[in-house]
N, C-alpha and C. Protein backbone atom coordinates (compact mmCIF):
# COMPACT_ATOMS: atom_id res chain seq x y z
N MET A 1 -226.89 35.21 -35.92
CA MET A 1 -228.30 35.58 -36.00
C MET A 1 -229.15 34.52 -35.31
N ASN A 2 -229.98 34.95 -34.36
CA ASN A 2 -230.82 33.98 -33.67
C ASN A 2 -232.09 33.70 -34.47
N ALA A 3 -232.90 32.79 -33.94
CA ALA A 3 -234.08 32.37 -34.68
C ALA A 3 -235.07 33.51 -34.87
N ALA A 4 -235.24 34.35 -33.86
CA ALA A 4 -236.18 35.46 -33.96
C ALA A 4 -235.76 36.43 -35.07
N GLU A 5 -234.46 36.72 -35.13
CA GLU A 5 -233.96 37.62 -36.18
C GLU A 5 -234.10 36.97 -37.56
N GLN A 6 -233.79 35.69 -37.62
CA GLN A 6 -233.91 34.96 -38.89
C GLN A 6 -235.35 34.98 -39.39
N LEU A 7 -236.29 34.73 -38.49
CA LEU A 7 -237.71 34.74 -38.88
C LEU A 7 -238.14 36.12 -39.31
N SER A 8 -237.75 37.14 -38.54
CA SER A 8 -238.15 38.51 -38.87
C SER A 8 -237.64 38.92 -40.25
N ARG A 9 -236.38 38.62 -40.53
CA ARG A 9 -235.80 38.96 -41.84
C ARG A 9 -236.46 38.16 -42.95
N GLY A 10 -236.74 36.89 -42.68
CA GLY A 10 -237.39 36.06 -43.67
C GLY A 10 -238.78 36.55 -44.01
N LEU A 11 -239.53 36.95 -42.98
CA LEU A 11 -240.88 37.48 -43.21
C LEU A 11 -240.83 38.76 -44.04
N ALA A 12 -239.84 39.60 -43.75
CA ALA A 12 -239.69 40.83 -44.52
C ALA A 12 -239.40 40.51 -45.99
N ALA A 13 -238.56 39.50 -46.22
CA ALA A 13 -238.24 39.11 -47.60
C ALA A 13 -239.47 38.56 -48.33
N LEU A 14 -240.38 37.95 -47.57
CA LEU A 14 -241.61 37.41 -48.14
C LEU A 14 -242.73 38.47 -48.20
N ASN A 15 -242.41 39.69 -47.75
CA ASN A 15 -243.40 40.78 -47.70
C ASN A 15 -244.59 40.43 -46.82
N LEU A 16 -244.31 39.76 -45.71
CA LEU A 16 -245.35 39.42 -44.74
C LEU A 16 -245.13 40.23 -43.47
N ASP A 17 -246.07 41.07 -43.16
CA ASP A 17 -245.98 41.93 -41.98
C ASP A 17 -246.79 41.33 -40.84
N LEU A 18 -246.15 40.49 -40.05
CA LEU A 18 -246.83 39.80 -38.96
C LEU A 18 -246.53 40.49 -37.63
N PRO A 19 -247.53 40.63 -36.77
CA PRO A 19 -247.29 41.24 -35.46
C PRO A 19 -246.40 40.37 -34.59
N ALA A 20 -245.86 40.99 -33.54
CA ALA A 20 -244.92 40.29 -32.66
C ALA A 20 -245.53 39.04 -32.06
N ALA A 21 -246.82 39.09 -31.73
CA ALA A 21 -247.45 37.93 -31.09
C ALA A 21 -247.48 36.73 -32.04
N ALA A 22 -247.74 36.97 -33.32
CA ALA A 22 -247.76 35.88 -34.30
C ALA A 22 -246.35 35.33 -34.50
N GLN A 23 -245.37 36.21 -34.54
CA GLN A 23 -243.99 35.75 -34.70
C GLN A 23 -243.55 34.92 -33.49
N ALA A 24 -243.95 35.34 -32.31
CA ALA A 24 -243.61 34.59 -31.10
C ALA A 24 -244.24 33.20 -31.13
N LYS A 25 -245.47 33.11 -31.63
CA LYS A 25 -246.15 31.82 -31.69
C LYS A 25 -245.50 30.91 -32.73
N LEU A 26 -245.05 31.48 -33.84
CA LEU A 26 -244.33 30.70 -34.85
C LEU A 26 -243.03 30.13 -34.26
N LEU A 27 -242.32 30.94 -33.49
CA LEU A 27 -241.07 30.48 -32.87
C LEU A 27 -241.35 29.42 -31.81
N ALA A 28 -242.45 29.57 -31.09
CA ALA A 28 -242.83 28.56 -30.10
C ALA A 28 -243.15 27.23 -30.78
N PHE A 29 -243.81 27.32 -31.94
CA PHE A 29 -244.09 26.10 -32.70
C PHE A 29 -242.80 25.45 -33.18
N ALA A 30 -241.85 26.25 -33.66
CA ALA A 30 -240.56 25.71 -34.11
C ALA A 30 -239.83 25.01 -32.96
N ALA A 31 -239.87 25.61 -31.78
CA ALA A 31 -239.21 25.00 -30.61
C ALA A 31 -239.89 23.68 -30.23
N LEU A 32 -241.21 23.67 -30.33
CA LEU A 32 -241.96 22.45 -30.01
C LEU A 32 -241.65 21.35 -31.03
N LEU A 33 -241.57 21.73 -32.29
CA LEU A 33 -241.25 20.78 -33.35
C LEU A 33 -239.86 20.17 -33.13
N GLU A 34 -238.90 21.02 -32.77
CA GLU A 34 -237.54 20.52 -32.54
C GLU A 34 -237.49 19.60 -31.32
N LYS A 35 -238.24 19.94 -30.28
CA LYS A 35 -238.27 19.13 -29.06
C LYS A 35 -238.85 17.74 -29.34
N TRP A 36 -240.00 17.69 -29.99
CA TRP A 36 -240.64 16.40 -30.27
C TRP A 36 -239.88 15.61 -31.32
N ASN A 37 -239.19 16.31 -32.19
CA ASN A 37 -238.47 15.64 -33.28
C ASN A 37 -237.39 14.71 -32.76
N LYS A 38 -236.84 15.03 -31.61
CA LYS A 38 -235.77 14.22 -31.03
C LYS A 38 -236.26 12.81 -30.66
N VAL A 39 -237.54 12.70 -30.37
CA VAL A 39 -238.11 11.41 -29.95
C VAL A 39 -238.95 10.77 -31.05
N TYR A 40 -239.73 11.59 -31.76
CA TYR A 40 -240.72 11.06 -32.69
C TYR A 40 -240.31 11.14 -34.16
N ASN A 41 -239.15 11.74 -34.45
CA ASN A 41 -238.64 11.80 -35.82
C ASN A 41 -239.70 12.35 -36.79
N LEU A 42 -240.18 13.54 -36.48
CA LEU A 42 -241.24 14.17 -37.28
C LEU A 42 -240.72 14.68 -38.61
N THR A 43 -239.45 15.04 -38.65
CA THR A 43 -238.84 15.57 -39.86
C THR A 43 -237.37 15.22 -39.88
N ALA A 44 -236.82 15.09 -41.08
CA ALA A 44 -235.40 14.75 -41.20
C ALA A 44 -234.50 15.93 -40.88
N LEU A 45 -235.05 17.13 -40.90
CA LEU A 45 -234.26 18.33 -40.64
C LEU A 45 -234.02 18.50 -39.15
N ARG A 46 -232.82 18.93 -38.81
CA ARG A 46 -232.46 19.17 -37.42
C ARG A 46 -231.88 20.58 -37.31
N GLY A 47 -232.10 21.19 -36.14
CA GLY A 47 -231.50 22.48 -35.86
C GLY A 47 -232.47 23.63 -36.07
N GLU A 48 -232.38 24.59 -35.18
CA GLU A 48 -233.29 25.74 -35.17
C GLU A 48 -233.28 26.51 -36.48
N GLU A 49 -232.08 26.76 -37.01
CA GLU A 49 -231.96 27.57 -38.22
C GLU A 49 -232.68 26.92 -39.40
N ARG A 50 -232.50 25.62 -39.56
CA ARG A 50 -233.12 24.92 -40.69
C ARG A 50 -234.63 24.78 -40.50
N ILE A 51 -235.07 24.66 -39.26
CA ILE A 51 -236.50 24.59 -39.02
C ILE A 51 -237.17 25.92 -39.40
N VAL A 52 -236.53 27.04 -39.06
CA VAL A 52 -237.08 28.34 -39.42
C VAL A 52 -237.13 28.51 -40.94
N SER A 53 -236.03 28.18 -41.63
CA SER A 53 -235.99 28.41 -43.08
C SER A 53 -236.78 27.37 -43.85
N HIS A 54 -236.52 26.10 -43.58
CA HIS A 54 -237.06 25.02 -44.42
C HIS A 54 -238.48 24.58 -44.00
N HIS A 55 -238.93 25.00 -42.83
CA HIS A 55 -240.28 24.65 -42.41
C HIS A 55 -241.18 25.89 -42.27
N LEU A 56 -240.79 26.82 -41.41
CA LEU A 56 -241.64 28.00 -41.22
C LEU A 56 -241.73 28.85 -42.48
N LEU A 57 -240.59 29.33 -42.96
CA LEU A 57 -240.61 30.25 -44.10
C LEU A 57 -241.06 29.55 -45.37
N ASP A 58 -240.67 28.30 -45.54
CA ASP A 58 -241.10 27.55 -46.71
C ASP A 58 -242.63 27.41 -46.71
N SER A 59 -243.21 27.12 -45.56
CA SER A 59 -244.66 27.03 -45.46
C SER A 59 -245.33 28.37 -45.74
N LEU A 60 -244.77 29.42 -45.17
CA LEU A 60 -245.38 30.75 -45.28
C LEU A 60 -245.27 31.35 -46.67
N ALA A 61 -244.38 30.81 -47.49
CA ALA A 61 -244.28 31.30 -48.87
C ALA A 61 -245.57 31.07 -49.64
N ALA A 62 -246.38 30.11 -49.17
CA ALA A 62 -247.66 29.82 -49.84
C ALA A 62 -248.79 30.74 -49.39
N LEU A 63 -248.58 31.50 -48.31
CA LEU A 63 -249.66 32.27 -47.71
C LEU A 63 -250.35 33.24 -48.68
N PRO A 64 -249.61 34.02 -49.48
CA PRO A 64 -250.28 34.97 -50.37
C PRO A 64 -251.17 34.29 -51.42
N HIS A 65 -250.95 33.01 -51.65
CA HIS A 65 -251.67 32.30 -52.70
C HIS A 65 -252.95 31.63 -52.19
N LEU A 66 -253.24 31.82 -50.89
CA LEU A 66 -254.49 31.31 -50.34
C LEU A 66 -255.65 32.26 -50.61
N GLY A 67 -255.33 33.49 -50.98
CA GLY A 67 -256.38 34.47 -51.22
C GLY A 67 -257.19 34.69 -49.95
N ALA A 68 -258.50 34.74 -50.09
CA ALA A 68 -259.37 34.95 -48.94
C ALA A 68 -260.01 33.65 -48.46
N ALA A 69 -259.37 32.52 -48.76
CA ALA A 69 -259.90 31.22 -48.33
C ALA A 69 -260.12 31.22 -46.82
N ARG A 70 -261.24 30.63 -46.41
CA ARG A 70 -261.57 30.55 -44.99
C ARG A 70 -261.34 29.15 -44.43
N ARG A 71 -261.42 28.14 -45.29
CA ARG A 71 -261.25 26.76 -44.85
C ARG A 71 -260.17 26.08 -45.67
N LEU A 72 -259.17 25.54 -44.99
CA LEU A 72 -258.02 24.91 -45.64
C LEU A 72 -257.80 23.53 -45.05
N ALA A 73 -257.61 22.52 -45.91
CA ALA A 73 -257.21 21.19 -45.46
C ALA A 73 -255.75 20.98 -45.85
N ASP A 74 -254.96 20.52 -44.90
CA ASP A 74 -253.54 20.24 -45.11
C ASP A 74 -253.38 18.72 -45.10
N ILE A 75 -253.04 18.16 -46.26
CA ILE A 75 -253.03 16.72 -46.45
C ILE A 75 -251.64 16.14 -46.23
N GLY A 76 -251.57 15.06 -45.44
CA GLY A 76 -250.27 14.47 -45.13
C GLY A 76 -249.39 15.46 -44.41
N SER A 77 -249.97 16.12 -43.39
CA SER A 77 -249.35 17.31 -42.80
C SER A 77 -248.15 17.01 -41.90
N GLY A 78 -247.91 15.75 -41.58
CA GLY A 78 -246.70 15.39 -40.83
C GLY A 78 -246.60 16.14 -39.51
N GLY A 79 -245.63 17.03 -39.41
CA GLY A 79 -245.45 17.83 -38.20
C GLY A 79 -246.32 19.07 -38.17
N GLY A 80 -247.40 19.08 -38.97
CA GLY A 80 -248.29 20.24 -38.99
C GLY A 80 -247.88 21.28 -40.01
N LEU A 81 -247.20 20.83 -41.06
CA LEU A 81 -246.67 21.74 -42.07
C LEU A 81 -247.29 21.46 -43.43
N PRO A 82 -247.74 22.49 -44.12
CA PRO A 82 -247.64 23.92 -43.81
C PRO A 82 -248.79 24.48 -42.98
N GLY A 83 -249.75 23.62 -42.58
CA GLY A 83 -250.99 24.10 -42.01
C GLY A 83 -250.87 24.98 -40.77
N ILE A 84 -250.05 24.56 -39.79
CA ILE A 84 -249.96 25.33 -38.54
C ILE A 84 -249.32 26.70 -38.77
N PRO A 85 -248.17 26.82 -39.47
CA PRO A 85 -247.65 28.16 -39.73
C PRO A 85 -248.64 29.04 -40.50
N LEU A 86 -249.37 28.47 -41.45
CA LEU A 86 -250.35 29.26 -42.21
C LEU A 86 -251.47 29.74 -41.30
N ALA A 87 -251.94 28.88 -40.40
CA ALA A 87 -253.01 29.28 -39.48
C ALA A 87 -252.54 30.40 -38.55
N ILE A 88 -251.33 30.26 -38.03
CA ILE A 88 -250.79 31.29 -37.12
C ILE A 88 -250.64 32.61 -37.86
N ALA A 89 -250.08 32.56 -39.06
CA ALA A 89 -249.83 33.79 -39.81
C ALA A 89 -251.12 34.48 -40.20
N ARG A 90 -252.10 33.72 -40.67
CA ARG A 90 -253.35 34.35 -41.09
C ARG A 90 -254.08 35.00 -39.92
N SER A 91 -253.94 34.42 -38.74
CA SER A 91 -254.59 35.01 -37.57
C SER A 91 -253.97 36.36 -37.22
N GLY A 92 -252.73 36.60 -37.68
CA GLY A 92 -252.05 37.85 -37.37
C GLY A 92 -252.16 38.91 -38.45
N LEU A 93 -252.79 38.57 -39.58
CA LEU A 93 -252.92 39.52 -40.68
C LEU A 93 -254.24 40.26 -40.59
N SER A 94 -254.19 41.57 -40.71
CA SER A 94 -255.42 42.36 -40.69
C SER A 94 -256.01 42.40 -42.10
N GLY A 95 -257.32 42.57 -42.16
CA GLY A 95 -257.99 42.70 -43.45
C GLY A 95 -258.37 41.39 -44.11
N LEU A 96 -258.02 40.27 -43.48
CA LEU A 96 -258.38 38.96 -44.02
C LEU A 96 -259.10 38.16 -42.95
N PRO A 97 -260.02 37.28 -43.36
CA PRO A 97 -260.70 36.45 -42.36
C PRO A 97 -259.73 35.44 -41.76
N GLY A 98 -260.04 34.96 -40.56
CA GLY A 98 -259.24 33.90 -39.97
C GLY A 98 -259.33 32.65 -40.81
N LEU A 99 -258.40 31.75 -40.59
CA LEU A 99 -258.31 30.54 -41.40
C LEU A 99 -258.58 29.32 -40.53
N GLN A 100 -259.59 28.53 -40.90
CA GLN A 100 -259.85 27.26 -40.25
C GLN A 100 -259.03 26.19 -40.98
N VAL A 101 -258.13 25.55 -40.27
CA VAL A 101 -257.21 24.60 -40.89
C VAL A 101 -257.45 23.20 -40.33
N ALA A 102 -257.70 22.25 -41.22
CA ALA A 102 -257.83 20.84 -40.84
C ALA A 102 -256.55 20.12 -41.22
N LEU A 103 -255.88 19.54 -40.24
CA LEU A 103 -254.66 18.77 -40.46
C LEU A 103 -255.04 17.30 -40.61
N VAL A 104 -254.72 16.72 -41.76
CA VAL A 104 -255.09 15.33 -42.04
C VAL A 104 -253.82 14.51 -42.14
N GLU A 105 -253.63 13.58 -41.22
CA GLU A 105 -252.39 12.81 -41.13
C GLU A 105 -252.70 11.40 -40.64
N SER A 106 -252.21 10.39 -41.34
CA SER A 106 -252.54 9.01 -40.98
C SER A 106 -251.66 8.45 -39.87
N SER A 107 -250.51 9.07 -39.60
CA SER A 107 -249.61 8.60 -38.55
C SER A 107 -250.10 9.07 -37.18
N GLN A 108 -250.27 8.12 -36.27
CA GLN A 108 -250.77 8.47 -34.94
C GLN A 108 -249.78 9.32 -34.16
N LYS A 109 -248.50 9.03 -34.28
CA LYS A 109 -247.52 9.81 -33.51
C LYS A 109 -247.44 11.24 -34.03
N LYS A 110 -247.58 11.43 -35.33
CA LYS A 110 -247.54 12.79 -35.88
C LYS A 110 -248.82 13.54 -35.54
N SER A 111 -249.96 12.84 -35.56
CA SER A 111 -251.21 13.47 -35.15
C SER A 111 -251.18 13.85 -33.67
N ALA A 112 -250.53 13.03 -32.86
CA ALA A 112 -250.40 13.33 -31.43
C ALA A 112 -249.59 14.62 -31.24
N PHE A 113 -248.53 14.78 -32.02
CA PHE A 113 -247.76 16.02 -31.94
C PHE A 113 -248.61 17.21 -32.35
N GLN A 114 -249.36 17.07 -33.44
CA GLN A 114 -250.22 18.16 -33.91
C GLN A 114 -251.22 18.57 -32.83
N GLN A 115 -251.81 17.58 -32.15
CA GLN A 115 -252.77 17.86 -31.09
C GLN A 115 -252.11 18.59 -29.93
N GLN A 116 -250.89 18.19 -29.61
CA GLN A 116 -250.16 18.85 -28.53
C GLN A 116 -249.84 20.29 -28.90
N ALA A 117 -249.43 20.51 -30.16
CA ALA A 117 -249.14 21.87 -30.62
C ALA A 117 -250.40 22.73 -30.58
N LYS A 118 -251.52 22.16 -30.99
CA LYS A 118 -252.80 22.89 -30.95
C LYS A 118 -253.11 23.35 -29.53
N ILE A 119 -252.92 22.45 -28.57
CA ILE A 119 -253.23 22.77 -27.17
C ILE A 119 -252.25 23.79 -26.60
N GLU A 120 -250.94 23.52 -26.76
CA GLU A 120 -249.93 24.39 -26.15
C GLU A 120 -249.93 25.79 -26.75
N LEU A 121 -250.22 25.90 -28.04
CA LEU A 121 -250.15 27.20 -28.71
C LEU A 121 -251.51 27.88 -28.80
N GLY A 122 -252.55 27.22 -28.31
CA GLY A 122 -253.87 27.83 -28.33
C GLY A 122 -254.40 28.05 -29.74
N LEU A 123 -254.26 27.04 -30.59
CA LEU A 123 -254.65 27.16 -32.00
C LEU A 123 -256.11 26.75 -32.17
N ASP A 124 -257.01 27.65 -31.82
CA ASP A 124 -258.44 27.32 -31.83
C ASP A 124 -258.96 27.05 -33.24
N GLY A 125 -258.31 27.63 -34.25
CA GLY A 125 -258.78 27.45 -35.62
C GLY A 125 -258.24 26.20 -36.30
N VAL A 126 -257.49 25.39 -35.56
CA VAL A 126 -256.87 24.18 -36.13
C VAL A 126 -257.58 22.95 -35.59
N SER A 127 -257.88 22.00 -36.47
CA SER A 127 -258.42 20.71 -36.06
C SER A 127 -257.51 19.60 -36.57
N VAL A 128 -257.40 18.53 -35.80
CA VAL A 128 -256.49 17.43 -36.11
C VAL A 128 -257.30 16.19 -36.43
N HIS A 129 -256.98 15.54 -37.55
CA HIS A 129 -257.72 14.36 -38.00
C HIS A 129 -256.73 13.25 -38.35
N CYS A 130 -256.68 12.22 -37.52
CA CYS A 130 -255.82 11.07 -37.79
C CYS A 130 -256.60 10.12 -38.69
N ALA A 131 -256.35 10.21 -39.98
CA ALA A 131 -257.13 9.44 -40.94
C ALA A 131 -256.39 9.39 -42.27
N ARG A 132 -256.77 8.43 -43.09
CA ARG A 132 -256.30 8.39 -44.47
C ARG A 132 -257.20 9.31 -45.27
N VAL A 133 -256.60 10.19 -46.04
CA VAL A 133 -257.36 11.25 -46.69
C VAL A 133 -258.44 10.71 -47.61
N GLU A 134 -258.17 9.60 -48.29
CA GLU A 134 -259.15 9.08 -49.26
C GLU A 134 -260.43 8.59 -48.60
N SER A 135 -260.35 8.26 -47.31
CA SER A 135 -261.53 7.76 -46.60
C SER A 135 -262.14 8.81 -45.67
N TRP A 136 -261.52 9.98 -45.60
CA TRP A 136 -262.00 11.03 -44.69
C TRP A 136 -263.12 11.81 -45.36
N GLN A 137 -264.24 11.90 -44.71
CA GLN A 137 -265.42 12.58 -45.26
C GLN A 137 -265.89 13.67 -44.30
N PRO A 138 -265.33 14.86 -44.41
CA PRO A 138 -265.74 15.94 -43.51
C PRO A 138 -267.15 16.42 -43.82
N ALA A 139 -267.78 17.03 -42.82
CA ALA A 139 -269.15 17.52 -42.99
C ALA A 139 -269.20 18.70 -43.95
N GLU A 140 -268.12 19.47 -44.00
CA GLU A 140 -268.08 20.66 -44.85
C GLU A 140 -266.84 20.62 -45.73
N LYS A 141 -266.99 21.01 -46.99
CA LYS A 141 -265.87 21.00 -47.93
C LYS A 141 -264.96 22.21 -47.69
N PHE A 142 -263.84 22.25 -48.46
CA PHE A 142 -262.80 23.26 -48.22
C PHE A 142 -262.60 24.17 -49.43
N ASP A 143 -262.26 25.43 -49.13
CA ASP A 143 -261.94 26.40 -50.18
C ASP A 143 -260.62 26.04 -50.87
N ALA A 144 -259.70 25.46 -50.10
CA ALA A 144 -258.40 25.07 -50.64
C ALA A 144 -257.90 23.84 -49.90
N VAL A 145 -257.18 23.00 -50.63
CA VAL A 145 -256.55 21.81 -50.06
C VAL A 145 -255.09 21.86 -50.46
N ILE A 146 -254.20 21.83 -49.47
CA ILE A 146 -252.78 22.01 -49.74
C ILE A 146 -252.00 20.76 -49.34
N SER A 147 -250.89 20.52 -50.04
CA SER A 147 -249.98 19.43 -49.66
C SER A 147 -248.55 19.89 -49.87
N ARG A 148 -247.68 19.34 -49.07
CA ARG A 148 -246.25 19.67 -49.14
C ARG A 148 -245.49 18.35 -49.09
N ALA A 149 -244.90 17.98 -50.23
CA ALA A 149 -244.15 16.72 -50.31
C ALA A 149 -245.01 15.53 -49.93
N PHE A 150 -246.26 15.53 -50.39
CA PHE A 150 -247.19 14.45 -50.05
C PHE A 150 -247.21 13.37 -51.12
N SER A 151 -247.39 13.73 -52.36
CA SER A 151 -247.50 12.74 -53.44
C SER A 151 -247.37 13.46 -54.77
N ASP A 152 -247.42 12.70 -55.88
CA ASP A 152 -247.42 13.38 -57.17
C ASP A 152 -248.83 13.96 -57.42
N LEU A 153 -248.94 14.79 -58.42
CA LEU A 153 -250.18 15.54 -58.64
C LEU A 153 -251.38 14.63 -58.91
N ALA A 154 -251.19 13.60 -59.73
CA ALA A 154 -252.30 12.72 -60.06
C ALA A 154 -252.84 12.03 -58.81
N GLU A 155 -251.95 11.58 -57.94
CA GLU A 155 -252.38 10.93 -56.70
C GLU A 155 -253.03 11.94 -55.76
N PHE A 156 -252.48 13.14 -55.69
CA PHE A 156 -253.04 14.20 -54.86
C PHE A 156 -254.50 14.48 -55.27
N VAL A 157 -254.72 14.58 -56.58
CA VAL A 157 -256.07 14.81 -57.09
C VAL A 157 -256.99 13.63 -56.75
N ALA A 158 -256.50 12.42 -56.99
CA ALA A 158 -257.32 11.22 -56.77
C ALA A 158 -257.71 11.06 -55.31
N LEU A 159 -256.78 11.35 -54.40
CA LEU A 159 -257.03 11.13 -52.98
C LEU A 159 -257.77 12.28 -52.31
N SER A 160 -257.57 13.50 -52.82
CA SER A 160 -258.05 14.69 -52.10
C SER A 160 -259.12 15.49 -52.82
N GLY A 161 -259.38 15.19 -54.07
CA GLY A 161 -260.31 15.99 -54.85
C GLY A 161 -261.70 16.09 -54.24
N HIS A 162 -262.12 15.03 -53.53
CA HIS A 162 -263.47 15.02 -52.95
C HIS A 162 -263.64 16.02 -51.81
N LEU A 163 -262.53 16.59 -51.34
CA LEU A 163 -262.60 17.53 -50.22
C LEU A 163 -262.90 18.97 -50.66
N LEU A 164 -262.79 19.24 -51.94
CA LEU A 164 -262.91 20.61 -52.44
C LEU A 164 -264.35 21.07 -52.55
N ALA A 165 -264.60 22.28 -52.07
CA ALA A 165 -265.88 22.93 -52.31
C ALA A 165 -265.91 23.42 -53.76
N GLU A 166 -267.08 23.75 -54.24
CA GLU A 166 -267.21 24.27 -55.60
C GLU A 166 -266.38 25.54 -55.73
N GLY A 167 -265.57 25.59 -56.78
CA GLY A 167 -264.71 26.74 -57.00
C GLY A 167 -263.41 26.70 -56.23
N GLY A 168 -263.19 25.63 -55.47
CA GLY A 168 -261.98 25.52 -54.67
C GLY A 168 -260.79 25.05 -55.50
N ALA A 169 -259.60 25.05 -54.89
CA ALA A 169 -258.38 24.69 -55.60
C ALA A 169 -257.49 23.80 -54.75
N LEU A 170 -256.81 22.88 -55.44
CA LEU A 170 -255.75 22.09 -54.83
C LEU A 170 -254.43 22.84 -55.01
N LEU A 171 -253.64 22.92 -53.95
CA LEU A 171 -252.37 23.63 -53.98
C LEU A 171 -251.26 22.66 -53.59
N ALA A 172 -250.39 22.35 -54.54
CA ALA A 172 -249.30 21.40 -54.29
C ALA A 172 -247.98 22.15 -54.22
N MET A 173 -247.29 22.03 -53.10
CA MET A 173 -245.98 22.66 -52.94
C MET A 173 -244.92 21.68 -53.45
N LYS A 174 -244.17 22.12 -54.46
CA LYS A 174 -243.21 21.26 -55.16
C LYS A 174 -241.83 21.89 -55.18
N GLY A 175 -240.85 21.08 -55.59
CA GLY A 175 -239.50 21.58 -55.82
C GLY A 175 -239.39 22.11 -57.23
N VAL A 176 -238.76 21.34 -58.11
CA VAL A 176 -238.62 21.77 -59.51
C VAL A 176 -239.99 21.75 -60.19
N HIS A 177 -240.11 22.47 -61.28
CA HIS A 177 -241.36 22.53 -62.04
C HIS A 177 -241.76 21.11 -62.45
N PRO A 178 -242.95 20.62 -62.03
CA PRO A 178 -243.31 19.22 -62.25
C PRO A 178 -243.98 18.97 -63.60
N HIS A 179 -243.25 19.19 -64.68
CA HIS A 179 -243.83 19.06 -66.02
C HIS A 179 -244.45 17.68 -66.24
N GLU A 180 -243.72 16.62 -65.88
CA GLU A 180 -244.22 15.26 -66.13
C GLU A 180 -245.46 14.96 -65.29
N GLU A 181 -245.47 15.42 -64.05
CA GLU A 181 -246.64 15.19 -63.19
C GLU A 181 -247.87 15.91 -63.77
N ILE A 182 -247.68 17.10 -64.26
CA ILE A 182 -248.79 17.86 -64.85
C ILE A 182 -249.36 17.11 -66.05
N ALA A 183 -248.48 16.53 -66.83
CA ALA A 183 -248.92 15.79 -68.03
C ALA A 183 -249.75 14.56 -67.66
N ARG A 184 -249.59 14.04 -66.45
CA ARG A 184 -250.31 12.84 -66.03
C ARG A 184 -251.60 13.14 -65.26
N LEU A 185 -251.99 14.40 -65.18
CA LEU A 185 -253.22 14.73 -64.46
C LEU A 185 -254.41 14.02 -65.10
N PRO A 186 -255.33 13.51 -64.30
CA PRO A 186 -256.50 12.82 -64.87
C PRO A 186 -257.46 13.80 -65.53
N ALA A 187 -258.32 13.27 -66.37
CA ALA A 187 -259.33 14.09 -67.04
C ALA A 187 -260.22 14.76 -66.01
N GLY A 188 -260.65 15.97 -66.34
CA GLY A 188 -261.53 16.70 -65.44
C GLY A 188 -260.80 17.68 -64.54
N TRP A 189 -259.46 17.70 -64.61
CA TRP A 189 -258.65 18.60 -63.79
C TRP A 189 -257.66 19.34 -64.68
N ARG A 190 -257.31 20.56 -64.28
CA ARG A 190 -256.33 21.33 -65.05
C ARG A 190 -255.49 22.19 -64.12
N VAL A 191 -254.27 22.44 -64.53
CA VAL A 191 -253.39 23.34 -63.79
C VAL A 191 -253.70 24.76 -64.23
N THR A 192 -254.00 25.62 -63.27
CA THR A 192 -254.33 27.01 -63.59
C THR A 192 -253.19 27.97 -63.26
N ALA A 193 -252.19 27.50 -62.52
CA ALA A 193 -251.03 28.35 -62.23
C ALA A 193 -249.89 27.50 -61.70
N VAL A 194 -248.68 27.84 -62.11
CA VAL A 194 -247.47 27.27 -61.52
C VAL A 194 -246.60 28.47 -61.14
N THR A 195 -246.48 28.72 -59.85
CA THR A 195 -245.83 29.94 -59.36
C THR A 195 -244.50 29.61 -58.71
N PRO A 196 -243.39 30.17 -59.21
CA PRO A 196 -242.11 29.98 -58.53
C PRO A 196 -242.14 30.66 -57.15
N LEU A 197 -241.58 30.00 -56.17
CA LEU A 197 -241.50 30.57 -54.82
C LEU A 197 -240.04 30.77 -54.45
N THR A 198 -239.74 31.91 -53.88
CA THR A 198 -238.41 32.18 -53.35
C THR A 198 -238.48 32.17 -51.84
N VAL A 199 -237.78 31.23 -51.23
CA VAL A 199 -237.85 31.07 -49.78
C VAL A 199 -236.51 31.48 -49.17
N PRO A 200 -236.49 32.48 -48.29
CA PRO A 200 -235.23 32.92 -47.67
C PRO A 200 -234.54 31.76 -46.94
N GLY A 201 -233.28 31.54 -47.28
CA GLY A 201 -232.49 30.50 -46.62
C GLY A 201 -232.62 29.13 -47.24
N VAL A 202 -233.44 29.00 -48.28
CA VAL A 202 -233.63 27.71 -48.94
C VAL A 202 -233.11 27.80 -50.36
N THR A 203 -232.14 26.95 -50.69
CA THR A 203 -231.62 26.91 -52.06
C THR A 203 -232.40 25.88 -52.86
N GLY A 204 -232.34 26.01 -54.16
CA GLY A 204 -233.06 25.08 -55.02
C GLY A 204 -234.43 25.62 -55.38
N ALA A 205 -235.00 25.03 -56.43
CA ALA A 205 -236.28 25.50 -56.95
C ALA A 205 -237.43 25.13 -56.02
N ARG A 206 -238.41 26.03 -55.94
CA ARG A 206 -239.66 25.78 -55.23
C ARG A 206 -240.78 26.32 -56.09
N HIS A 207 -241.86 25.56 -56.21
CA HIS A 207 -243.01 25.98 -57.01
C HIS A 207 -244.30 25.64 -56.27
N LEU A 208 -245.32 26.44 -56.50
CA LEU A 208 -246.66 26.15 -56.02
C LEU A 208 -247.54 25.90 -57.23
N VAL A 209 -248.13 24.71 -57.28
CA VAL A 209 -248.96 24.31 -58.41
C VAL A 209 -250.43 24.36 -57.99
N LYS A 210 -251.22 25.12 -58.73
CA LYS A 210 -252.65 25.26 -58.45
C LYS A 210 -253.44 24.43 -59.45
N VAL A 211 -254.27 23.53 -58.93
CA VAL A 211 -255.04 22.61 -59.76
C VAL A 211 -256.53 22.82 -59.46
N GLU A 212 -257.33 22.94 -60.51
CA GLU A 212 -258.76 23.13 -60.34
C GLU A 212 -259.54 22.18 -61.24
N ARG A 213 -260.80 21.99 -60.93
CA ARG A 213 -261.66 21.18 -61.79
C ARG A 213 -261.90 21.91 -63.10
N GLU A 214 -262.03 21.13 -64.18
CA GLU A 214 -262.34 21.73 -65.47
C GLU A 214 -263.71 22.38 -65.41
């Protein structure tokens, strides 16, 4: 099974009906990630198959949980994950507004890759910010702020909470259910949902934790 077939089957398993153009752009992003990874070590994963399953599909498993959010910040986005796949996918879905995605990454080499991906793939709705999240002060707040393997929940809240618009939510992509992390959340914040995610081709537990202000 080639990467295109793997992606198509994975999207079907996730109940995501993306047009051919969006799927082609996702595959182009995967190829770009693999190419740059050889020099810049953007991710520990190697190989087309694992990039499709553990990066593209894993990122896209969060898509239904964004609701109708229009502005998303991806914190510690590394190789542009999950922000770039989410931006590509949302642009291909009918009935929902496009998604403006801000990629926030303190590593210059990873931000350089993100900028290259934005240019090569024509990602007009994506902006790249090489900065430490705690000191980043955007002009406009976000409907949702997402992280994938960035930090524990308490640190995520402490570093990123200032980015949320009123009524917005922090979305943390986790492995096993983070009971201990939830117990350490600071006052003024609460978990409103912990959703198990099933990612095609990925074994082991995956959860999406939604955190909101009290």
